[in-house]
Protein backbone atom coordinates (compact mmCIF):
# COMPACT_ATOMS: atom_id res chain seq x y z
CA MET A 1 -32.24 -21.19 -15.20
CA GLY A 2 -28.44 -22.25 -14.40
CA SER A 3 -30.03 -25.67 -13.53
CA GLY A 4 -31.56 -26.45 -16.69
CA ALA A 5 -28.86 -25.11 -18.86
CA GLU A 6 -26.21 -27.87 -16.95
CA ALA A 7 -29.39 -30.47 -17.16
CA LEU A 8 -29.23 -29.54 -21.10
CA GLY A 9 -26.08 -29.67 -21.49
CA GLU A 10 -25.81 -33.65 -19.75
CA ALA A 11 -28.56 -34.38 -21.96
CA LEU A 12 -27.02 -33.67 -24.94
CA SER A 13 -23.49 -35.06 -24.12
CA ALA A 14 -25.56 -38.07 -22.74
CA GLY A 15 -27.82 -38.51 -25.80
CA GLY A 16 -24.93 -37.17 -28.48
CA ASP A 17 -24.69 -40.38 -30.73
CA VAL A 18 -28.23 -41.13 -30.95
CA VAL A 19 -28.70 -37.29 -31.57
CA ARG A 20 -26.00 -36.93 -34.65
CA ASP A 21 -27.22 -40.13 -36.00
CA LEU A 22 -31.04 -38.76 -36.39
CA ALA A 23 -29.69 -35.67 -37.53
CA LYS A 24 -27.38 -37.16 -40.05
CA ASP A 25 -30.90 -39.15 -41.53
CA SER A 26 -33.08 -36.63 -41.41
CA ILE A 27 -30.77 -34.18 -43.39
CA LYS A 28 -29.63 -37.17 -46.02
CA ASP A 29 -33.52 -38.11 -46.33
CA GLY A 30 -34.36 -34.00 -47.38
CA SER A 31 -36.97 -34.30 -44.56
CA ASN A 32 -38.80 -31.56 -42.88
CA ASP A 33 -39.14 -32.67 -39.65
CA ALA A 34 -35.53 -32.36 -38.86
CA VAL A 35 -36.35 -30.81 -35.54
CA ASP A 36 -38.63 -33.25 -34.50
CA ALA A 37 -36.38 -36.09 -34.77
CA VAL A 38 -33.45 -34.63 -32.95
CA ALA A 39 -35.76 -33.91 -30.18
CA SER A 40 -37.00 -37.41 -29.89
CA GLY A 41 -34.01 -38.21 -29.93
CA PHE A 42 -32.82 -36.46 -26.75
CA GLY A 43 -35.85 -35.62 -25.06
CA ALA A 44 -36.20 -38.89 -22.89
CA PRO A 45 -32.58 -38.45 -21.62
CA MET A 46 -33.26 -34.93 -20.90
CA ALA A 47 -36.45 -35.41 -18.72
CA THR A 48 -34.98 -38.34 -17.12
CA SER A 49 -32.03 -35.19 -15.82
CA MET A 50 -34.54 -32.82 -15.14
CA GLU A 51 -36.06 -35.05 -12.95
CA GLY A 52 -33.02 -36.28 -11.35
CA ARG A 53 -32.21 -32.29 -10.80
CA ILE A 54 -35.48 -31.64 -9.34
CA ALA A 55 -35.05 -34.56 -7.01
CA ARG A 56 -31.95 -33.64 -5.56
CA PHE A 57 -33.45 -30.19 -5.27
CA ARG A 58 -35.71 -31.28 -3.08
CA GLU A 59 -33.55 -33.40 -1.19
CA GLY A 60 -31.96 -30.43 -0.52
CA GLN A 61 -34.62 -28.33 0.66
CA ALA A 62 -35.28 -31.18 3.37
CA ALA A 63 -32.23 -30.85 4.27
CA ILE A 64 -31.64 -27.54 4.77
CA SER A 65 -34.88 -27.60 6.64
CA GLU A 66 -33.99 -30.55 9.08
CA MET A 67 -30.59 -28.71 10.14
CA LYS A 68 -32.62 -25.64 11.01
CA GLN A 69 -34.66 -27.81 13.25
CA GLY A 70 -31.65 -29.15 14.50
CA LEU A 71 -29.97 -25.90 15.73
CA SER A 72 -33.30 -24.93 16.88
CA GLN A 73 -33.60 -27.25 19.05
CA ILE A 74 -29.39 -26.70 20.19
CA VAL A 75 -30.51 -23.67 20.85
CA GLU A 76 -33.57 -24.21 22.75
CA THR A 77 -31.44 -27.18 25.13
CA LEU A 78 -28.79 -24.72 26.23
CA SER A 79 -31.16 -21.83 26.85
CA GLU A 80 -32.73 -24.38 29.45
CA ALA A 81 -29.27 -25.06 30.80
CA GLY A 82 -29.10 -21.31 31.74
CA MET A 83 -26.96 -20.27 28.18
CA LYS A 84 -27.91 -16.63 27.67
CA LEU A 85 -28.83 -15.97 24.15
CA PRO A 86 -28.16 -15.45 21.74
CA ILE A 87 -25.13 -17.75 20.86
CA THR A 88 -22.87 -15.42 19.10
CA ILE A 89 -20.76 -16.75 16.18
CA VAL A 90 -17.81 -14.13 14.90
CA ILE A 91 -16.63 -14.14 11.72
CA ASP A 92 -13.14 -11.56 11.11
CA GLU A 93 -12.38 -10.35 7.81
CA LEU A 94 -14.23 -11.75 5.36
CA ASP A 95 -13.91 -8.54 3.38
CA ARG A 96 -9.94 -10.34 2.74
CA CYS A 97 -11.62 -13.58 1.34
CA ARG A 98 -11.77 -14.07 -2.59
CA PRO A 99 -15.16 -12.03 -3.76
CA THR A 100 -16.69 -15.43 -4.57
CA TYR A 101 -16.20 -17.15 -1.34
CA ALA A 102 -17.10 -14.23 0.71
CA ILE A 103 -20.65 -13.77 -1.35
CA LYS A 104 -20.90 -17.90 -0.55
CA VAL A 105 -20.36 -17.19 3.13
CA LEU A 106 -23.12 -14.59 3.27
CA GLU A 107 -25.61 -16.50 1.32
CA GLU A 108 -25.49 -19.40 3.41
CA LEU A 109 -25.15 -17.48 6.41
CA LYS A 110 -28.84 -16.54 5.74
CA HIS A 111 -29.94 -19.11 3.92
CA LEU A 112 -28.56 -22.12 6.68
CA PHE A 113 -28.49 -20.61 10.00
CA ASP A 114 -30.64 -17.82 10.22
CA VAL A 115 -32.35 -19.33 13.69
CA PRO A 116 -33.77 -17.56 16.63
CA GLY A 117 -31.29 -17.58 18.93
CA VAL A 118 -28.05 -17.58 16.79
CA ALA A 119 -26.44 -14.16 15.95
CA PHE A 120 -23.60 -13.57 13.85
CA VAL A 121 -21.02 -10.41 14.23
CA LEU A 122 -18.87 -10.10 11.10
CA GLY A 123 -15.92 -7.89 11.14
CA LEU A 124 -14.71 -6.34 7.76
CA HIS A 125 -14.27 -3.59 6.05
CA GLY A 126 -17.54 -2.80 4.44
CA GLN A 127 -16.55 -0.42 1.48
CA GLN A 128 -13.69 -3.33 0.42
CA LEU A 129 -16.94 -5.78 0.80
CA ALA A 130 -18.88 -3.55 -1.60
CA HIS A 131 -15.67 -3.91 -3.98
CA SER A 132 -15.76 -7.18 -4.25
CA VAL A 133 -19.23 -8.11 -4.12
CA SER A 134 -19.18 -5.83 -7.55
CA ALA A 135 -15.99 -7.52 -8.82
CA ALA A 136 -18.04 -10.75 -9.14
CA TYR A 137 -21.43 -9.27 -10.15
CA GLY A 138 -20.02 -6.00 -12.37
CA ALA A 139 -19.74 -2.73 -12.12
CA GLY A 140 -23.04 -1.79 -12.57
CA PHE A 141 -24.79 -4.10 -9.54
CA ASP A 142 -25.74 -1.79 -6.69
CA SER A 143 -23.35 -3.88 -4.09
CA HIS A 144 -24.63 -1.79 -0.97
CA SER A 145 -28.22 -2.59 -1.60
CA TYR A 146 -27.58 -6.64 -2.37
CA LEU A 147 -25.26 -6.41 1.28
CA ARG A 148 -28.18 -4.57 3.17
CA ARG A 149 -30.24 -8.30 3.05
CA PHE A 150 -27.59 -9.57 5.14
CA PHE A 151 -27.08 -6.79 8.40
CA ASN A 152 -29.50 -6.48 10.52
CA ARG A 153 -27.56 -3.81 12.21
CA ARG A 154 -24.03 -1.75 11.26
CA TYR A 155 -21.62 -0.45 13.80
CA VAL A 156 -18.71 1.92 12.67
CA LEU A 157 -15.50 1.53 14.97
CA LYS A 158 -13.88 4.81 15.69
CA GLU A 159 -10.36 5.39 14.52
CA THR A 160 -7.70 3.98 16.57
CA ALA A 161 -4.84 6.19 18.07
CA LEU A 162 -2.19 5.28 16.15
CA LYS A 163 0.84 6.59 18.88
CA PRO A 164 0.12 4.03 21.87
CA LEU A 165 -0.02 1.19 19.04
CA VAL A 166 2.94 1.71 17.83
CA GLU A 167 4.13 2.66 21.14
CA LYS A 168 2.69 -1.38 22.35
CA LEU A 169 4.55 -2.63 18.90
CA CYS A 170 7.87 -0.88 19.71
CA ALA A 171 7.92 -3.08 23.21
CA ASP A 172 6.73 -6.16 22.45
CA LEU A 173 8.97 -6.11 19.51
CA GLY A 174 12.15 -5.09 21.67
CA ILE A 175 12.85 -2.09 18.94
CA PRO A 176 15.28 0.00 20.65
CA THR A 177 13.84 3.15 20.12
CA ALA A 178 17.13 4.98 21.59
CA ARG A 179 18.29 4.71 18.11
CA LEU A 180 15.82 6.24 16.49
CA THR A 181 16.69 9.70 15.28
CA ALA A 182 15.03 12.70 13.73
CA PRO A 183 15.30 16.27 12.78
CA PRO A 184 13.05 18.85 15.10
CA VAL A 185 9.50 19.34 14.26
CA LEU A 186 7.94 22.71 13.44
CA TYR A 187 4.00 22.73 13.80
CA ASN A 188 2.07 25.15 11.47
CA ASP A 189 0.06 26.44 14.54
CA ASN A 190 2.77 27.00 16.82
CA PRO A 191 5.55 28.84 14.84
CA GLY A 192 9.19 29.25 16.43
CA PHE A 193 8.91 26.26 18.91
CA HIS A 194 10.77 23.10 17.40
CA HIS A 195 9.47 19.52 19.27
CA ASN A 196 11.58 16.64 19.70
CA GLU A 197 9.15 14.48 19.05
CA GLU A 198 9.40 11.02 20.37
CA PRO A 199 9.84 8.17 18.08
CA ALA A 200 6.59 6.32 18.21
CA LYS A 201 4.67 9.34 17.39
CA LEU A 202 6.74 10.40 14.36
CA ILE A 203 6.02 6.36 13.12
CA ALA A 204 2.46 7.11 13.58
CA ASP A 205 2.73 10.56 11.94
CA TYR A 206 4.37 8.52 8.99
CA ILE A 207 1.80 6.08 8.73
CA LYS A 208 -0.89 8.30 8.83
CA ALA A 209 0.90 10.71 5.65
CA TYR A 210 1.17 7.71 3.78
CA ASP A 211 -2.28 6.84 4.33
CA LEU A 212 -1.85 3.27 5.98
CA SER A 213 -4.28 1.70 8.15
CA ALA A 214 -3.48 0.65 11.69
CA ARG A 215 -2.88 -2.89 10.54
CA ASP A 216 -0.13 -2.09 8.66
CA ALA A 217 1.33 -0.24 11.60
CA PHE A 218 2.00 -4.39 12.49
CA THR A 219 4.30 -4.79 9.02
CA VAL A 220 5.83 -1.23 9.72
CA THR A 221 7.08 -1.71 12.92
CA GLU A 222 8.40 -5.67 12.16
CA MET A 223 10.23 -4.17 9.15
CA LEU A 224 11.38 -1.70 11.16
CA GLN A 225 12.89 -4.62 13.65
CA THR A 226 14.72 -6.22 10.62
CA PHE A 227 15.80 -2.59 9.22
CA MET A 228 17.47 -2.13 12.55
CA ALA A 229 18.60 -5.96 12.95
CA LEU A 230 20.80 -5.56 9.94
CA THR A 231 22.09 -2.28 10.96
CA GLY A 232 24.18 -2.46 13.33
CA ASP A 233 24.65 -0.51 16.26
CA GLY A 234 24.43 2.78 14.82
CA PRO A 235 20.87 5.56 15.11
CA ILE A 236 18.49 5.20 12.60
CA LEU A 237 16.91 8.03 10.12
CA LEU A 238 13.34 7.37 10.82
CA PRO A 239 12.89 10.45 7.59
CA LEU A 240 15.21 8.31 5.53
CA SER A 241 14.17 4.49 6.71
CA MET A 242 10.75 5.24 7.09
CA PRO A 243 9.72 5.96 3.27
CA LEU A 244 11.71 3.72 2.56
CA ILE A 245 9.92 0.93 5.04
CA ILE A 246 6.78 2.02 3.27
CA SER A 247 7.65 1.63 -0.29
CA GLN A 248 8.35 -2.24 0.18
CA ILE A 249 4.87 -2.35 1.64
CA LYS A 250 3.14 -0.22 -1.26
CA ASP A 251 5.64 -1.94 -3.78
CA VAL A 252 6.32 1.25 -5.19
CA ASN A 253 9.66 2.94 -6.22
CA PRO A 254 10.94 5.08 -3.17
CA ASN A 255 11.94 7.76 -5.45
CA LEU A 256 8.47 8.06 -6.48
CA ILE A 257 6.56 7.51 -3.07
CA ALA A 258 5.17 10.45 -2.01
CA PRO A 259 2.70 11.29 1.32
CA SER A 260 -1.02 11.12 0.67
CA ILE A 261 -2.21 13.28 3.12
CA SER A 262 -0.65 16.80 3.67
CA MET A 263 1.03 17.25 7.59
CA ASN A 264 0.20 20.27 9.22
CA TRP A 265 4.00 20.16 10.50
CA ASN A 266 7.83 20.59 8.86
CA PHE A 267 11.40 19.20 10.12
CA VAL A 268 13.44 22.28 10.86
CA MET A 269 16.75 21.15 8.85
CA ALA A 270 20.18 23.09 10.12
CA ASP A 271 23.29 23.44 7.67
CA ILE A 272 27.41 23.70 9.17
CA ARG A 273 26.62 27.44 9.42
CA GLY A 274 23.74 26.80 11.79
CA THR A 275 21.10 28.23 9.69
CA THR A 276 18.08 26.36 9.99
CA GLU A 277 15.07 25.46 6.90
CA GLU A 278 11.81 24.05 7.36
CA LYS A 279 11.59 20.69 4.69
CA SER A 280 8.68 18.94 4.07
CA ILE A 281 9.17 15.40 4.87
CA ALA A 282 9.17 14.39 1.03
CA ASN A 283 12.61 17.55 0.56
CA VAL A 284 14.32 15.63 3.67
CA PHE A 285 14.02 11.92 2.64
CA ASN A 286 14.97 12.93 -1.16
CA GLU A 287 17.97 14.65 0.47
CA MET A 288 19.02 12.04 2.96
CA ARG A 289 18.95 9.26 -0.06
CA HIS A 290 20.87 11.43 -2.46
CA ALA A 291 23.52 11.97 0.60
CA SER A 292 23.63 8.37 1.07
CA THR A 293 24.38 7.55 -2.33
CA ILE A 294 27.43 9.90 -2.50
CA PRO A 295 30.64 7.72 -1.76
CA LYS A 296 32.51 7.97 1.63
CA ASN A 297 35.63 9.16 0.03
CA SER A 298 33.97 12.26 -1.91
CA SER A 299 34.87 15.61 -1.28
């Protein structure tokens, strides 16, 4: 249908002058066969255009067949040379591409590279790719059924442990974790026992609390490295710095940012009289942010 519409457009464009002249003459003469006159004016150009498109389509099909044959011969030759099959091609982050591009890649993999001995492994966020397909074809389109056409097997990777990842990233970036400080933590299932958590554990907990991904841990630690480079050698309060960093990643107002996931712990805050009180990470951030805006010479 798409090719037919394009061909019709080309025919109308190519025979435009003829069509307009015949139409004018027919209307001027009051003829009853105006439609026949117009049709005869662009029938030949349209037929020629369609014949050309059909020929190009057949040539394309022949080229695809030749490509598959050539790829099959390559696979056979490599197998005879001792290579263990299948030849595996890995495509990563397809879900991060434009929806139309992602669909084009899937379609071409299906039609051009569907050859025995060749396997494709696609690393992607399945739900996000389904959203991309829906964006291209419409909200009512069954994107999950559509995607099942392309995948023979699907595997779900288990969730990454964030703390070891944060430790590795901090070490790679040379972040001096000794400068990172925070009040003690009190867990709901262990009342009365205060934990002085490691910085990497707290950073990982913040990533989880604000519903960021393991991929976002790279951005968080890189921004923390910059944060520390711009603040001299003094201590860095994680309850203040982490929400500020995360607000930049999420592109929201720091005053409005709030955890997406309820955590099973609170900070234990002490006042000048030594009185302690449990406070959520959101409350601690708001109090610290307010305190940071008070002029130093205020009484």
